[in-house]
Protein backbone atom coordinates (compact mmCIF):
# COMPACT_ATOMS: atom_id res chain seq x y z
CA MET A 1 16.65 -5.85 0.78
CA SER A 2 13.83 -4.11 -1.02
CA VAL A 3 10.34 -4.34 0.40
CA GLU A 4 7.28 -4.82 -1.77
CA LYS A 5 5.10 -1.70 -1.59
CA ASN A 6 1.85 -3.29 -2.76
CA PRO A 7 -0.52 -4.66 -0.11
CA ILE A 8 -0.53 -8.42 0.29
CA ARG A 9 -4.02 -9.69 -0.48
CA GLY A 10 -5.45 -13.16 -0.10
CA ALA A 11 -5.99 -15.89 2.44
CA LEU A 12 -3.56 -16.51 5.26
CA ARG A 13 -3.15 -20.11 4.07
CA ASP A 14 -1.56 -18.74 0.88
CA LEU A 15 1.17 -17.05 2.92
CA GLN A 16 2.00 -20.07 5.08
CA PRO A 17 4.29 -21.32 6.34
CA LEU A 18 5.25 -18.18 8.23
CA ALA A 19 8.78 -17.91 9.60
CA VAL A 20 9.42 -16.02 12.85
CA SER A 21 13.02 -15.01 13.52
CA VAL A 22 14.74 -13.08 16.29
CA VAL A 23 16.30 -9.89 14.96
CA ALA A 24 19.97 -9.63 15.97
CA PRO A 25 21.28 -6.13 16.75
CA GLY A 26 23.34 -4.65 13.91
CA SER A 27 22.12 -7.19 11.34
CA ALA A 28 20.51 -6.55 7.96
CA ASP A 29 17.25 -7.71 9.55
CA ALA A 30 17.70 -5.05 12.26
CA ARG A 31 17.97 -2.32 9.62
CA LEU A 32 14.93 -3.72 7.82
CA PHE A 33 12.98 -3.97 11.09
CA LEU A 34 13.74 -0.38 12.12
CA GLY A 35 12.96 0.93 8.63
CA LEU A 36 9.62 -0.87 8.53
CA LEU A 37 8.69 0.25 12.02
CA ALA A 38 9.61 3.87 11.31
CA HIS A 39 7.67 3.88 8.04
CA GLU A 40 4.63 1.75 8.84
CA HIS A 41 3.84 2.34 12.53
CA TYR A 42 1.30 5.09 13.09
CA LEU A 43 3.51 6.71 15.75
CA GLY A 44 6.78 6.11 13.93
CA HIS A 45 9.77 4.83 15.85
CA ARG A 46 12.86 6.46 17.29
CA ASN A 47 14.37 4.17 19.90
CA THR A 48 13.57 1.79 22.73
CA VAL A 49 14.43 2.05 26.41
CA GLY A 50 15.63 -0.90 28.46
CA GLU A 51 15.72 -4.52 27.46
CA ASN A 52 13.73 -5.59 24.42
CA ILE A 53 13.49 -8.34 21.86
CA ARG A 54 12.51 -7.99 18.22
CA TYR A 55 10.98 -10.53 15.86
CA LEU A 56 10.49 -10.36 12.12
CA VAL A 57 7.77 -12.50 10.51
CA ARG A 58 8.13 -13.53 6.86
CA ASP A 59 5.79 -15.39 4.53
CA ARG A 60 6.61 -18.35 2.28
CA ARG A 61 8.06 -15.98 -0.34
CA ASP A 62 10.37 -14.40 2.27
CA ARG A 63 8.41 -11.14 2.29
CA PRO A 64 8.24 -9.37 5.66
CA VAL A 65 4.63 -9.41 6.90
CA ALA A 66 5.01 -8.36 10.57
CA CYS A 67 7.39 -6.74 13.04
CA VAL A 68 6.98 -7.64 16.72
CA LEU A 69 8.73 -5.72 19.49
CA PHE A 70 8.51 -6.62 23.15
CA GLY A 71 10.03 -4.16 25.62
CA SER A 72 10.54 -4.16 29.35
CA ALA A 73 8.21 -2.12 31.53
CA ALA A 74 9.29 1.48 32.05
């Protein structure tokens, strides 16, 4: 899946409804999630330690607008 490089501009209401999905390990969404996190996060991303859960948020046009990662305490 290619990701749009231009910033998304406008009101939040124009993006709704938003869809939040759990990212399954080894899926196409997992590859997208890791690629976005590595490219867009100010610290980059290498790997996680312990249990974690990942969510991908998409807008009404199926564009990824957010990556959410919750990890267990170290």
